[in-house]
Amino acid sequence: MFSMQPWDAATACNFKEMAFEFAKHNRVLYVNRAIDRISVIKHRQSKLVQSRMATVKQGTDELIPIQPGLWVHNPRTVLESLNWMPVAGLYEAANRINSKRLAREMNKIIKRLGFSNVLLINDNDFFRGIDLKELVDCTDYIFYIRDYLNYQPWFRRHGPRMEKKMIEKSDLIVANSLYLANYAAQYNPLSYDIGQGCDLESYLVENPPVPDDLKNIPRPIIGYTGAISGTRLDKEIFLHIAEQLPECSIVLVGPVTDGFDAEALRAHANIHFLGTKPPAAVPGYVHYFDVCLNPQLVNQLTVGNYPRKADEYLAMGKPMVATETETMKFFADYVYLCKNKEEYVGHIRSILSDPAKQNGIVKQQRRAFALSHSWTESIGRLGDAFHDYQLKKKKAYERGQQLAG
């Protein structure tokens, strides 16, 4: 399993949770993101960079056993930072050098662990993963797409070209939403929607203690958890709710990222930024939300994105109000969907004025729906897709043999 998101990232990670599910029936090697030259130069004093450089120089923590049959691999190499290069041909030639460095390290560990019949799964990294199909000792190559990254400025120079090539050359494409599966199918017909899994056990907690920084915030509480991102969230919706519902408290739990204009919101006394919390602590906040929010901007980054927080909110039985996107329509029977900020206020008022919309049988229905989205189900669908791909590959081989005969 090859990912751009490191195993020790502070935020929740689909691919990491998939690794645990795969490890129930397979031996799994999770390849951590290799360190790059710019990070070594600019952040040499950080603990993460120092840790990775200790691996590169001394082999410290090169291979970390997590549990029986599951290892994390920190490659002993430094990759060149290339995104600044303007010429496509030069960029791709230099990028292949990076790929060879990575593949050398991966093949070394594959051999050390005695892996055979290797299935290589690439988690959305169409830069570093573009040449690994040919360079790594694997039998099949799967590309897992779970975000439309090319909307973000950093990806725009080389991303559209490289992602298209990545999808075209992969043996199989799996996506966590139908929108992204259809997007990938433009370039590779072997593209499948495997849905989204979630580990929701911590969201089934009953009556957790009130977090200290929530105790003095008056209810009703309209809450959001997750990255507070300028590319994903519509701050105008938060502002409109705060202005139209001054009796409510708007609570945001998570880091402010991607240029989100937090200062415009901080000016309102009923908007509260509580900062980043450990994943295990987040359910304790959601439990005390009266209404949960997902006020997304509608853009290429969000329209096909599967928001894990939707399942997390629903697993606690909470009423949720969210922006209508192609993927959010999947939740339409359990979530109040909005086309504009006025509809947000209307739905929130309706929920707060009707206890039946917060508790009772509707709460159990929300929870049951969320719990149906397990990692066992998602990985099972990936297995079905892989089986279908294998059958088609076999038939294509047999047709080739017949024609050759």
Protein backbone atom coordinates (compact mmCIF):
# COMPACT_ATOMS: atom_id res chain seq x y z
CA MET A 1 0.00 0.00 0.00
CA PHE A 2 1.60 3.22 -1.25
CA SER A 3 0.26 6.53 0.05
CA MET A 4 1.00 10.25 0.02
CA GLN A 5 -0.42 10.39 3.56
CA PRO A 6 2.01 9.17 6.22
CA TRP A 7 1.02 6.51 8.73
CA ASP A 8 1.72 8.88 11.63
CA ALA A 9 -0.41 11.74 10.30
CA ALA A 10 -2.44 13.58 12.94
CA THR A 11 -5.68 13.38 10.97
CA ALA A 12 -7.81 10.32 10.20
CA CYS A 13 -6.78 8.46 7.06
CA ASN A 14 -8.86 6.19 4.83
CA PHE A 15 -5.85 4.29 3.63
CA LYS A 16 -4.56 3.53 7.11
CA GLU A 17 -7.92 2.09 8.14
CA MET A 18 -8.00 0.08 4.91
CA ALA A 19 -4.61 -1.37 5.86
CA PHE A 20 -6.01 -2.79 9.08
CA GLU A 21 -8.92 -4.31 7.17
CA PHE A 22 -6.66 -5.85 4.53
CA ALA A 23 -4.43 -7.24 7.28
CA LYS A 24 -7.24 -9.47 8.52
CA HIS A 25 -6.66 -11.78 5.55
CA ASN A 26 -3.38 -10.63 3.91
CA ARG A 27 0.14 -9.57 4.72
CA VAL A 28 0.33 -5.81 4.30
CA LEU A 29 3.23 -3.40 3.78
CA TYR A 30 2.25 0.27 4.17
CA VAL A 31 4.83 2.48 2.45
CA ASN A 32 5.13 5.84 4.18
CA ARG A 33 5.60 9.04 2.23
CA ALA A 34 9.31 9.43 1.49
CA ILE A 35 10.87 12.70 2.60
CA ASP A 36 11.60 15.33 -0.07
CA ARG A 37 14.52 17.70 -0.55
CA ILE A 38 12.59 20.91 0.24
CA SER A 39 11.42 19.50 3.58
CA VAL A 40 14.98 18.56 4.50
CA ILE A 41 16.16 22.10 3.75
CA LYS A 42 13.27 24.14 5.16
CA HIS A 43 12.18 22.02 8.13
CA ARG A 44 15.39 20.35 9.24
CA GLN A 45 14.67 21.17 12.90
CA SER A 46 11.28 19.45 12.97
CA LYS A 47 11.00 16.12 14.77
CA LEU A 48 9.37 14.49 11.73
CA VAL A 49 12.20 15.48 9.38
CA GLN A 50 14.83 14.44 11.91
CA SER A 51 13.11 11.09 12.35
CA ARG A 52 12.94 10.47 8.61
CA MET A 53 16.58 11.50 8.14
CA ALA A 54 17.60 9.06 10.88
CA THR A 55 15.93 6.38 8.76
CA VAL A 56 17.75 7.52 5.62
CA LYS A 57 21.18 7.69 7.27
CA GLN A 58 21.12 4.93 9.89
CA GLY A 59 18.15 2.77 8.93
CA THR A 60 16.33 3.68 12.15
CA ASP A 61 12.67 2.58 11.98
CA GLU A 62 13.01 1.54 8.36
CA LEU A 63 10.53 -1.30 8.91
CA ILE A 64 8.09 -1.01 11.82
CA PRO A 65 5.87 -3.97 12.81
CA ILE A 66 2.39 -2.72 13.72
CA GLN A 67 0.71 -6.05 14.35
CA PRO A 68 1.17 -9.60 13.02
CA GLY A 69 1.09 -9.34 9.21
CA LEU A 70 1.19 -5.52 9.04
CA TRP A 71 4.33 -3.39 8.67
CA VAL A 72 5.07 0.30 7.99
CA HIS A 73 8.01 1.01 5.70
CA ASN A 74 9.95 4.30 5.84
CA PRO A 75 11.99 4.41 2.60
CA ARG A 76 15.70 5.14 3.04
CA THR A 77 15.83 7.79 0.35
CA VAL A 78 15.34 11.51 -0.22
CA LEU A 79 13.26 12.48 -3.26
CA GLU A 80 13.92 15.59 -5.29
CA SER A 81 11.30 18.37 -5.15
CA LEU A 82 10.20 18.83 -8.75
CA ASN A 83 6.90 20.64 -8.94
CA TRP A 84 8.61 23.94 -9.87
CA MET A 85 9.87 22.50 -13.18
CA PRO A 86 7.87 24.07 -16.06
CA VAL A 87 8.77 21.67 -18.91
CA ALA A 88 6.66 18.49 -18.93
CA GLY A 89 9.30 16.25 -20.50
CA LEU A 90 12.06 17.30 -18.10
CA TYR A 91 9.69 16.97 -15.14
CA GLU A 92 8.69 13.43 -16.10
CA ALA A 93 12.30 12.35 -16.67
CA ALA A 94 13.34 13.67 -13.26
CA ASN A 95 10.24 12.18 -11.68
CA ARG A 96 11.21 8.76 -13.01
CA ILE A 97 14.51 9.08 -11.13
CA ASN A 98 12.50 9.61 -7.96
CA SER A 99 10.39 6.57 -8.83
CA LYS A 100 13.47 4.42 -9.26
CA ARG A 101 14.72 5.46 -5.82
CA LEU A 102 11.39 4.57 -4.28
CA ALA A 103 11.04 1.29 -6.16
CA ARG A 104 14.53 0.21 -5.09
CA GLU A 105 13.59 0.66 -1.45
CA MET A 106 10.19 -1.00 -1.83
CA ASN A 107 11.59 -4.02 -3.69
CA LYS A 108 14.22 -4.46 -0.98
CA ILE A 109 11.55 -4.73 1.73
CA ILE A 110 9.25 -6.89 -0.42
CA LYS A 111 12.13 -9.33 -0.78
CA ARG A 112 13.03 -9.15 2.92
CA LEU A 113 9.45 -10.01 3.94
CA GLY A 114 9.20 -12.78 1.34
CA PHE A 115 6.10 -11.32 -0.31
CA SER A 116 4.76 -13.01 -3.45
CA ASN A 117 1.75 -12.31 -5.71
CA VAL A 118 2.11 -8.66 -4.78
CA LEU A 119 -0.85 -6.37 -5.30
CA LEU A 120 0.29 -2.73 -5.26
CA ILE A 121 -2.38 -0.18 -4.32
CA ASN A 122 -1.61 3.51 -4.83
CA ASP A 123 -3.55 5.97 -2.69
CA ASN A 124 -4.23 8.91 -5.00
CA ASP A 125 -0.54 9.74 -5.65
CA PHE A 126 -0.25 10.21 -9.42
CA PHE A 127 3.11 11.98 -9.11
CA ARG A 128 5.24 9.59 -7.09
CA GLY A 129 3.28 6.53 -8.14
CA ILE A 130 3.23 7.08 -11.91
CA ASP A 131 6.11 4.67 -12.74
CA LEU A 132 5.82 2.17 -9.89
CA LYS A 133 3.73 -0.29 -11.91
CA GLU A 134 6.78 -1.01 -14.07
CA LEU A 135 9.45 -0.65 -11.38
CA VAL A 136 8.04 -2.48 -8.35
CA ASP A 137 7.88 -6.28 -8.23
CA CYS A 138 4.08 -6.54 -8.37
CA THR A 139 1.57 -8.59 -10.34
CA ASP A 140 -1.28 -6.06 -10.41
CA TYR A 141 -1.57 -2.30 -9.85
CA ILE A 142 -4.62 -0.53 -8.40
CA PHE A 143 -5.11 3.23 -8.25
CA TYR A 144 -7.39 4.43 -5.42
CA ILE A 145 -8.93 7.86 -6.06
CA ARG A 146 -10.68 9.61 -3.18
CA ASP A 147 -10.26 13.31 -3.99
CA TYR A 148 -10.11 15.50 -7.06
CA LEU A 149 -6.70 16.97 -6.21
CA ASN A 150 -6.17 18.94 -9.40
CA TYR A 151 -8.47 21.67 -8.14
CA GLN A 152 -5.78 22.65 -5.64
CA PRO A 153 -3.20 25.17 -6.97
CA TRP A 154 -0.13 23.04 -6.16
CA PHE A 155 -1.33 20.25 -8.46
CA ARG A 156 -2.36 22.35 -11.46
CA ARG A 157 0.98 22.55 -13.29
CA HIS A 158 1.52 18.82 -13.83
CA GLY A 159 -1.48 17.20 -12.14
CA PRO A 160 -4.08 16.97 -14.94
CA ARG A 161 -1.60 15.34 -17.32
CA MET A 162 -0.10 12.99 -14.75
CA GLU A 163 -3.42 11.92 -13.25
CA LYS A 164 -4.81 11.04 -16.69
CA LYS A 165 -1.72 8.93 -17.45
CA MET A 166 -1.94 7.29 -14.04
CA ILE A 167 -5.57 6.28 -14.54
CA GLU A 168 -4.97 5.05 -18.08
CA LYS A 169 -2.04 2.80 -17.18
CA SER A 170 -3.45 1.30 -13.96
CA ASP A 171 -4.87 -2.21 -14.08
CA LEU A 172 -7.86 -1.22 -11.96
CA ILE A 173 -9.32 2.01 -10.56
CA VAL A 174 -11.35 2.11 -7.33
CA ALA A 175 -13.03 5.23 -5.94
CA ASN A 176 -14.87 6.08 -2.74
CA SER A 177 -17.74 7.80 -4.57
CA LEU A 178 -19.74 7.20 -7.72
CA TYR A 179 -18.81 10.67 -8.98
CA LEU A 180 -15.09 9.91 -8.86
CA ALA A 181 -15.58 6.44 -10.34
CA ASN A 182 -17.41 8.00 -13.30
CA TYR A 183 -14.68 10.61 -13.63
CA ALA A 184 -11.98 7.93 -13.80
CA ALA A 185 -14.04 5.86 -16.26
CA GLN A 186 -13.41 8.55 -18.90
CA TYR A 187 -9.84 7.23 -19.10
CA ASN A 188 -10.13 3.64 -17.88
CA PRO A 189 -13.30 1.51 -18.18
CA LEU A 190 -12.13 -0.67 -15.28
CA SER A 191 -13.22 1.97 -12.73
CA TYR A 192 -15.41 1.00 -9.77
CA ASP A 193 -17.15 2.72 -6.87
CA ILE A 194 -16.27 0.82 -3.67
CA GLY A 195 -17.96 3.25 -1.32
CA GLN A 196 -16.54 4.64 1.88
CA GLY A 197 -15.76 2.71 5.02
CA CYS A 198 -15.71 4.20 8.48
CA ASP A 199 -14.59 2.97 11.89
CA LEU A 200 -17.48 4.33 13.93
CA GLU A 201 -17.08 2.45 17.21
CA SER A 202 -15.94 5.57 19.09
CA TYR A 203 -19.07 7.40 17.87
CA LEU A 204 -21.37 4.95 19.63
CA VAL A 205 -20.40 6.34 23.02
CA GLU A 206 -23.25 7.19 25.39
CA ASN A 207 -23.14 10.16 27.79
CA PRO A 208 -19.44 11.12 27.60
CA PRO A 209 -18.27 13.91 29.93
CA VAL A 210 -18.69 17.43 28.60
CA PRO A 211 -15.33 18.69 27.23
CA ASP A 212 -13.95 21.48 29.38
CA ASP A 213 -13.89 24.06 26.56
CA LEU A 214 -17.52 23.29 25.73
CA LYS A 215 -18.92 23.67 29.25
CA ASN A 216 -19.43 27.44 29.14
CA ILE A 217 -20.74 27.66 25.59
CA PRO A 218 -24.52 28.16 25.65
CA ARG A 219 -26.82 25.80 23.80
CA PRO A 220 -28.25 25.15 21.31
CA ILE A 221 -24.92 24.30 19.66
CA ILE A 222 -24.53 24.12 15.88
CA GLY A 223 -21.31 22.18 15.34
CA TYR A 224 -18.71 21.27 12.74
CA THR A 225 -15.70 18.94 13.10
CA GLY A 226 -12.77 18.52 10.73
CA ALA A 227 -10.35 20.71 8.81
CA ILE A 228 -11.63 24.28 8.51
CA SER A 229 -10.47 24.69 4.94
CA GLY A 230 -10.66 27.70 2.66
CA THR A 231 -10.92 25.46 -0.40
CA ARG A 232 -13.69 23.27 1.01
CA LEU A 233 -15.89 25.32 3.36
CA ASP A 234 -18.19 28.28 2.69
CA LYS A 235 -17.56 30.84 5.43
CA GLU A 236 -20.59 32.84 4.30
CA ILE A 237 -22.86 30.05 5.54
CA PHE A 238 -21.29 30.16 9.02
CA LEU A 239 -21.66 33.95 9.06
CA HIS A 240 -25.29 33.83 7.90
CA ILE A 241 -26.21 31.27 10.57
CA ALA A 242 -24.49 33.34 13.27
CA GLU A 243 -26.32 36.50 12.21
CA GLN A 244 -29.77 34.94 11.71
CA LEU A 245 -29.65 32.70 14.79
CA PRO A 246 -27.93 34.80 17.48
CA GLU A 247 -29.40 32.56 20.20
CA CYS A 248 -27.32 29.65 18.85
CA SER A 249 -23.62 28.93 19.35
CA ILE A 250 -21.61 27.88 16.29
CA VAL A 251 -18.74 25.60 17.37
CA LEU A 252 -15.89 24.60 15.03
CA VAL A 253 -13.59 21.79 16.12
CA GLY A 254 -10.48 21.35 13.96
CA PRO A 255 -7.45 23.09 12.45
CA VAL A 256 -7.80 26.19 10.26
CA THR A 257 -6.16 25.43 6.88
CA ASP A 258 -5.91 26.48 3.23
CA GLY A 259 -6.34 30.20 3.76
CA PHE A 260 -9.70 30.06 5.53
CA ASP A 261 -10.67 33.59 6.64
CA ALA A 262 -11.22 32.82 10.31
CA GLU A 263 -10.98 36.45 11.42
CA ALA A 264 -14.27 37.33 9.74
CA LEU A 265 -15.95 34.68 11.89
CA ARG A 266 -14.12 35.46 15.14
CA ALA A 267 -15.75 38.89 15.15
CA HIS A 268 -19.06 37.18 16.01
CA ALA A 269 -19.47 36.42 19.71
CA ASN A 270 -21.50 33.28 19.02
CA ILE A 271 -18.83 31.62 16.81
CA HIS A 272 -16.27 29.55 18.72
CA PHE A 273 -13.06 28.01 17.31
CA LEU A 274 -11.93 25.20 19.63
CA GLY A 275 -8.90 24.06 17.64
CA THR A 276 -7.53 20.63 16.81
CA LYS A 277 -8.50 17.72 19.03
CA PRO A 278 -7.19 14.13 19.19
CA PRO A 279 -9.43 11.87 17.07
CA ALA A 280 -10.53 9.95 20.17
CA ALA A 281 -11.84 13.18 21.73
CA VAL A 282 -13.96 14.34 18.78
CA PRO A 283 -17.04 12.14 19.51
CA GLY A 284 -17.27 13.80 22.93
CA TYR A 285 -17.86 17.13 21.17
CA VAL A 286 -20.30 15.81 18.58
CA HIS A 287 -22.39 14.25 21.36
CA TYR A 288 -23.22 17.75 22.65
CA PHE A 289 -24.01 19.30 19.25
CA ASP A 290 -27.72 19.91 18.72
CA VAL A 291 -27.25 20.18 14.95
CA CYS A 292 -24.22 19.16 12.87
CA LEU A 293 -23.01 21.03 9.78
CA ASN A 294 -21.10 20.38 6.58
CA PRO A 295 -21.25 23.74 4.73
CA GLN A 296 -19.11 22.87 1.72
CA LEU A 297 -18.23 25.12 -1.16
CA VAL A 298 -19.38 23.54 -4.40
CA ASN A 299 -16.32 23.07 -6.57
CA GLN A 300 -14.42 20.27 -8.30
CA LEU A 301 -12.68 19.39 -5.05
CA THR A 302 -15.88 18.87 -3.06
CA VAL A 303 -18.50 17.75 -5.58
CA GLY A 304 -17.27 14.15 -5.63
CA ASN A 305 -15.77 14.08 -2.15
CA TYR A 306 -17.23 11.61 0.34
CA PRO A 307 -17.34 13.39 3.71
CA ARG A 308 -16.53 10.88 6.45
CA LYS A 309 -17.97 13.31 8.96
CA ALA A 310 -21.44 12.60 7.58
CA ASP A 311 -21.23 9.01 8.79
CA GLU A 312 -19.66 10.14 12.07
CA TYR A 313 -22.49 12.60 12.77
CA LEU A 314 -25.17 10.10 11.77
CA ALA A 315 -23.60 7.31 13.85
CA MET A 316 -24.37 9.46 16.88
CA GLY A 317 -27.91 9.94 15.60
CA LYS A 318 -27.40 13.66 15.09
CA PRO A 319 -29.47 15.77 12.69
CA MET A 320 -27.16 17.05 9.95
CA VAL A 321 -27.54 20.00 7.60
CA ALA A 322 -25.24 20.01 4.56
CA THR A 323 -24.65 21.54 1.16
CA GLU A 324 -26.15 19.51 -1.68
CA THR A 325 -23.46 17.94 -3.88
CA GLU A 326 -23.51 14.90 -6.14
CA THR A 327 -22.06 12.72 -3.39
CA MET A 328 -24.21 14.19 -0.58
CA LYS A 329 -27.32 13.11 -2.51
CA PHE A 330 -26.37 9.61 -1.35
CA PHE A 331 -27.38 10.79 2.15
CA ALA A 332 -30.58 12.55 1.07
CA ASP A 333 -32.94 10.37 3.14
CA TYR A 334 -31.01 11.08 6.35
CA VAL A 335 -29.54 14.57 5.94
CA TYR A 336 -31.12 17.98 5.36
CA LEU A 337 -29.56 19.17 2.08
CA CYS A 338 -29.30 22.85 1.16
CA LYS A 339 -28.74 24.81 -2.04
CA ASN A 340 -28.05 28.13 -0.29
CA LYS A 341 -27.40 29.74 3.10
CA GLU A 342 -31.07 30.64 3.59
CA GLU A 343 -32.02 26.95 3.47
CA TYR A 344 -29.44 26.24 6.18
CA VAL A 345 -31.17 28.61 8.58
CA GLY A 346 -34.60 27.25 7.68
CA HIS A 347 -33.59 23.65 8.33
CA ILE A 348 -31.83 24.48 11.60
CA ARG A 349 -34.89 26.35 12.89
CA SER A 350 -37.11 23.44 11.92
CA ILE A 351 -34.88 20.90 13.69
CA LEU A 352 -34.57 22.93 16.90
CA SER A 353 -38.32 23.51 17.09
CA ASP A 354 -39.22 19.81 16.66
CA PRO A 355 -37.77 17.34 19.19
CA ALA A 356 -38.86 14.43 16.98
CA LYS A 357 -36.22 15.48 14.43
CA GLN A 358 -33.50 15.11 17.05
CA ASN A 359 -34.46 11.93 18.89
CA GLY A 360 -36.70 8.89 18.73
CA ILE A 361 -36.86 6.52 15.79
CA VAL A 362 -35.21 8.97 13.37
CA LYS A 363 -32.10 8.90 15.55
CA GLN A 364 -31.92 5.10 15.28
CA GLN A 365 -32.47 5.24 11.52
CA ARG A 366 -29.56 7.64 11.09
CA ARG A 367 -27.32 5.43 13.20
CA ALA A 368 -28.26 2.24 11.33
CA PHE A 369 -27.56 3.90 7.97
CA ALA A 370 -24.12 5.11 9.05
CA LEU A 371 -23.15 1.74 10.52
CA SER A 372 -23.86 0.06 7.18
CA HIS A 373 -20.77 1.87 5.79
CA SER A 374 -18.10 -0.38 7.26
CA TRP A 375 -14.57 -1.02 6.04
CA THR A 376 -15.50 -4.68 5.67
CA GLU A 377 -18.17 -3.67 3.17
CA SER A 378 -15.89 -1.27 1.28
CA ILE A 379 -12.99 -3.74 1.03
CA GLY A 380 -15.46 -6.43 0.01
CA ARG A 381 -16.55 -4.24 -2.89
CA LEU A 382 -12.91 -3.72 -3.81
CA GLY A 383 -12.53 -7.50 -3.83
CA ASP A 384 -15.53 -7.80 -6.16
CA ALA A 385 -14.00 -5.21 -8.49
CA PHE A 386 -10.67 -7.04 -8.47
CA HIS A 387 -12.40 -10.35 -9.25
CA ASP A 388 -14.23 -8.72 -12.18
CA TYR A 389 -10.96 -7.27 -13.46
CA GLN A 390 -9.25 -10.67 -13.20
CA LEU A 391 -12.03 -12.34 -15.19
CA LYS A 392 -11.79 -9.71 -17.92
CA LYS A 393 -7.99 -10.06 -18.00
CA LYS A 394 -8.33 -13.83 -18.37
CA LYS A 395 -10.85 -13.51 -21.19
CA ALA A 396 -8.64 -10.99 -22.98
CA TYR A 397 -5.68 -13.38 -22.69
CA GLU A 398 -7.73 -16.29 -24.03
CA ARG A 399 -8.91 -14.20 -26.99
CA GLY A 400 -5.31 -13.24 -27.68
CA GLN A 401 -4.26 -16.89 -27.62
CA GLN A 402 -7.04 -17.81 -30.02
CA LEU A 403 -6.06 -15.07 -32.43
CA ALA A 404 -2.40 -16.07 -32.20
CA GLY A 405 -3.36 -19.70 -32.88
